[in-house]
Amino acid sequence: MPESRRFPRIDVYLDAHLIVDGEAFRAKIKDLSRGGACVISPHFFPSATDVTVSLEALSRKLGLLGKTVYSFECEPGIFRTGIRFHPLTEANRAVVEALMLQAKSI
């Protein structure tokens, strides 16, 4: 059965930080869409945790606000976390779309 998502996901593999309660955690963005991201990190984050996905891309610093949807251990000590973004600003949306387009062309 095909996956029904509001926005298509693109594999990107970007370095990022997840900011939770003022603390930064290193992560890799595995895939990205206008609606959210899947990140890989050594930290578990409960569902509904407020998070900022912080990254530098295309000569811009982004802070994408969202909430965790799930987090599970995908291998020992490594967690996969789904994040649903709050509505993006026009500027952030444009950068996310540019990143997705760039990743698609590789």
C-alpha atoms as a PDB file:
ATOM      1  CA  MET A   1       0.000   0.000   0.000  1.00  0.00           C
ATOM      2  CA  PRO A   2       1.474   3.391  -0.936  1.00  0.00           C
ATOM      3  CA  GLU A   3       2.409   5.766   1.859  1.00  0.00           C
ATOM      4  CA  SER A   4       0.002   8.693   2.129  1.00  0.00           C
ATOM      5  CA  ARG A   5       1.838  11.805   3.252  1.00  0.00           C
ATOM      6  CA  ARG A   6       0.958  15.441   2.883  1.00  0.00           C
ATOM      7  CA  PHE A   7       4.436  16.266   1.508  1.00  0.00           C
ATOM      8  CA  PRO A   8       6.936  14.011  -0.285  1.00  0.00           C
ATOM      9  CA  ARG A   9      10.071  13.004   1.630  1.00  0.00           C
ATOM     10  CA  ILE A  10      13.558  13.196   0.149  1.00  0.00           C
ATOM     11  CA  ASP A  11      16.685  11.483   1.522  1.00  0.00           C
ATOM     12  CA  VAL A  12      19.148  14.236   2.466  1.00  0.00           C
ATOM     13  CA  TYR A  13      21.677  13.080   5.149  1.00  0.00           C
ATOM     14  CA  LEU A  14      22.454  16.486   6.702  1.00  0.00           C
ATOM     15  CA  ASP A  15      24.236  17.304   9.958  1.00  0.00           C
ATOM     16  CA  ALA A  16      21.966  19.063  12.440  1.00  0.00           C
ATOM     17  CA  HIS A  17      21.341  19.737  16.098  1.00  0.00           C
ATOM     18  CA  LEU A  18      18.091  19.067  17.911  1.00  0.00           C
ATOM     19  CA  ILE A  19      17.419  21.720  20.524  1.00  0.00           C
ATOM     20  CA  VAL A  20      15.239  20.460  23.388  1.00  0.00           C
ATOM     21  CA  ASP A  21      14.713  22.554  26.531  1.00  0.00           C
ATOM     22  CA  GLY A  22      17.737  24.689  25.606  1.00  0.00           C
ATOM     23  CA  GLU A  23      20.075  21.687  25.226  1.00  0.00           C
ATOM     24  CA  ALA A  24      21.611  20.813  21.838  1.00  0.00           C
ATOM     25  CA  PHE A  25      21.930  17.201  20.665  1.00  0.00           C
ATOM     26  CA  ARG A  26      23.873  16.206  17.541  1.00  0.00           C
ATOM     27  CA  ALA A  27      21.835  14.445  14.869  1.00  0.00           C
ATOM     28  CA  LYS A  28      21.725  13.536  11.196  1.00  0.00           C
ATOM     29  CA  ILE A  29      18.683  14.364   9.134  1.00  0.00           C
ATOM     30  CA  LYS A  30      17.871  11.184   7.204  1.00  0.00           C
ATOM     31  CA  ASP A  31      14.986  12.548   5.185  1.00  0.00           C
ATOM     32  CA  LEU A  32      13.203  15.858   4.867  1.00  0.00           C
ATOM     33  CA  SER A  33       9.917  17.258   3.652  1.00  0.00           C
ATOM     34  CA  ARG A  34       8.044  20.529   4.011  1.00  0.00           C
ATOM     35  CA  GLY A  35       6.095  18.839   6.795  1.00  0.00           C
ATOM     36  CA  GLY A  36       8.879  17.297   8.843  1.00  0.00           C
ATOM     37  CA  ALA A  37      12.019  15.230   9.075  1.00  0.00           C
ATOM     38  CA  CYS A  38      13.338  11.890  10.197  1.00  0.00           C
ATOM     39  CA  VAL A  39      16.513  12.247  12.257  1.00  0.00           C
ATOM     40  CA  ILE A  40      19.056   9.770  13.583  1.00  0.00           C
ATOM     41  CA  SER A  41      20.784  10.430  16.910  1.00  0.00           C
ATOM     42  CA  PRO A  42      22.060   8.697  20.036  1.00  0.00           C
ATOM     43  CA  HIS A  43      19.195  10.245  22.058  1.00  0.00           C
ATOM     44  CA  PHE A  44      15.627   9.111  22.691  1.00  0.00           C
ATOM     45  CA  PHE A  45      12.959  11.825  22.600  1.00  0.00           C
ATOM     46  CA  PRO A  46       9.418  11.033  23.827  1.00  0.00           C
ATOM     47  CA  SER A  47       6.465  11.727  21.530  1.00  0.00           C
ATOM     48  CA  ALA A  48       5.142  15.306  21.619  1.00  0.00           C
ATOM     49  CA  THR A  49       8.503  16.773  22.700  1.00  0.00           C
ATOM     50  CA  ASP A  50       8.951  20.353  21.467  1.00  0.00           C
ATOM     51  CA  VAL A  51      12.098  20.507  19.336  1.00  0.00           C
ATOM     52  CA  THR A  52      13.993  22.901  17.100  1.00  0.00           C
ATOM     53  CA  VAL A  53      15.914  21.332  14.228  1.00  0.00           C
ATOM     54  CA  SER A  54      18.927  23.590  13.806  1.00  0.00           C
ATOM     55  CA  LEU A  55      21.124  23.332  10.707  1.00  0.00           C
ATOM     56  CA  GLU A  56      23.241  25.330   8.297  1.00  0.00           C
ATOM     57  CA  ALA A  57      22.482  24.828   4.645  1.00  0.00           C
ATOM     58  CA  LEU A  58      22.807  26.835   1.461  1.00  0.00           C
ATOM     59  CA  SER A  59      24.627  29.602   3.376  1.00  0.00           C
ATOM     60  CA  ARG A  60      21.700  29.978   5.799  1.00  0.00           C
ATOM     61  CA  LYS A  61      21.123  29.026   9.416  1.00  0.00           C
ATOM     62  CA  LEU A  62      17.738  27.416   9.914  1.00  0.00           C
ATOM     63  CA  GLY A  63      15.738  26.797  13.056  1.00  0.00           C
ATOM     64  CA  LEU A  64      12.773  24.592  12.191  1.00  0.00           C
ATOM     65  CA  LEU A  65      10.254  24.291  15.034  1.00  0.00           C
ATOM     66  CA  GLY A  66       8.292  21.111  15.554  1.00  0.00           C
ATOM     67  CA  LYS A  67       7.208  18.230  17.772  1.00  0.00           C
ATOM     68  CA  THR A  68       8.402  14.655  17.886  1.00  0.00           C
ATOM     69  CA  VAL A  69       5.935  12.110  16.562  1.00  0.00           C
ATOM     70  CA  TYR A  70       7.874   8.933  17.347  1.00  0.00           C
ATOM     71  CA  SER A  71      11.293   7.788  18.508  1.00  0.00           C
ATOM     72  CA  PHE A  72      12.589   4.228  18.531  1.00  0.00           C
ATOM     73  CA  GLU A  73      15.903   2.451  18.825  1.00  0.00           C
ATOM     74  CA  CYS A  74      16.845   1.365  15.291  1.00  0.00           C
ATOM     75  CA  GLU A  75      20.141  -0.191  16.399  1.00  0.00           C
ATOM     76  CA  PRO A  76      21.851  -0.368  19.795  1.00  0.00           C
ATOM     77  CA  GLY A  77      22.269   3.173  21.132  1.00  0.00           C
ATOM     78  CA  ILE A  78      20.923   4.829  17.942  1.00  0.00           C
ATOM     79  CA  PHE A  79      17.416   6.268  17.706  1.00  0.00           C
ATOM     80  CA  ARG A  80      15.269   7.250  14.747  1.00  0.00           C
ATOM     81  CA  THR A  81      12.975  10.166  15.549  1.00  0.00           C
ATOM     82  CA  GLY A  82      10.162  11.583  13.430  1.00  0.00           C
ATOM     83  CA  ILE A  83       9.517  15.299  13.737  1.00  0.00           C
ATOM     84  CA  ARG A  84       6.469  17.152  12.432  1.00  0.00           C
ATOM     85  CA  PHE A  85       7.279  20.789  11.730  1.00  0.00           C
ATOM     86  CA  HIS A  86       5.067  23.643  12.796  1.00  0.00           C
ATOM     87  CA  PRO A  87       4.134  25.765   9.750  1.00  0.00           C
ATOM     88  CA  LEU A  88       7.360  26.992   8.129  1.00  0.00           C
ATOM     89  CA  THR A  89       8.094  30.639   7.459  1.00  0.00           C
ATOM     90  CA  GLU A  90       8.287  31.511   3.763  1.00  0.00           C
ATOM     91  CA  ALA A  91      12.086  31.869   4.010  1.00  0.00           C
ATOM     92  CA  ASN A  92      12.529  28.488   5.739  1.00  0.00           C
ATOM     93  CA  ARG A  93      10.106  26.812   3.325  1.00  0.00           C
ATOM     94  CA  ALA A  94      12.132  28.116   0.376  1.00  0.00           C
ATOM     95  CA  VAL A  95      15.386  26.741   1.848  1.00  0.00           C
ATOM     96  CA  VAL A  96      13.810  23.358   2.686  1.00  0.00           C
ATOM     97  CA  GLU A  97      12.461  23.108  -0.874  1.00  0.00           C
ATOM     98  CA  ALA A  98      15.885  24.065  -2.303  1.00  0.00           C
ATOM     99  CA  LEU A  99      17.567  21.383  -0.152  1.00  0.00           C
ATOM    100  CA  MET A 100      15.072  18.796  -1.342  1.00  0.00           C
ATOM    101  CA  LEU A 101      15.572  19.786  -4.972  1.00  0.00           C
ATOM    102  CA  GLN A 102      19.356  19.652  -4.567  1.00  0.00           C
ATOM    103  CA  ALA A 103      19.190  16.201  -2.924  1.00  0.00           C
ATOM    104  CA  LYS A 104      16.859  14.932  -5.637  1.00  0.00           C
ATOM    105  CA  SER A 105      19.319  15.888  -8.356  1.00  0.00           C
ATOM    106  CA  ILE A 106      22.208  13.901  -6.817  1.00  0.00           C
END
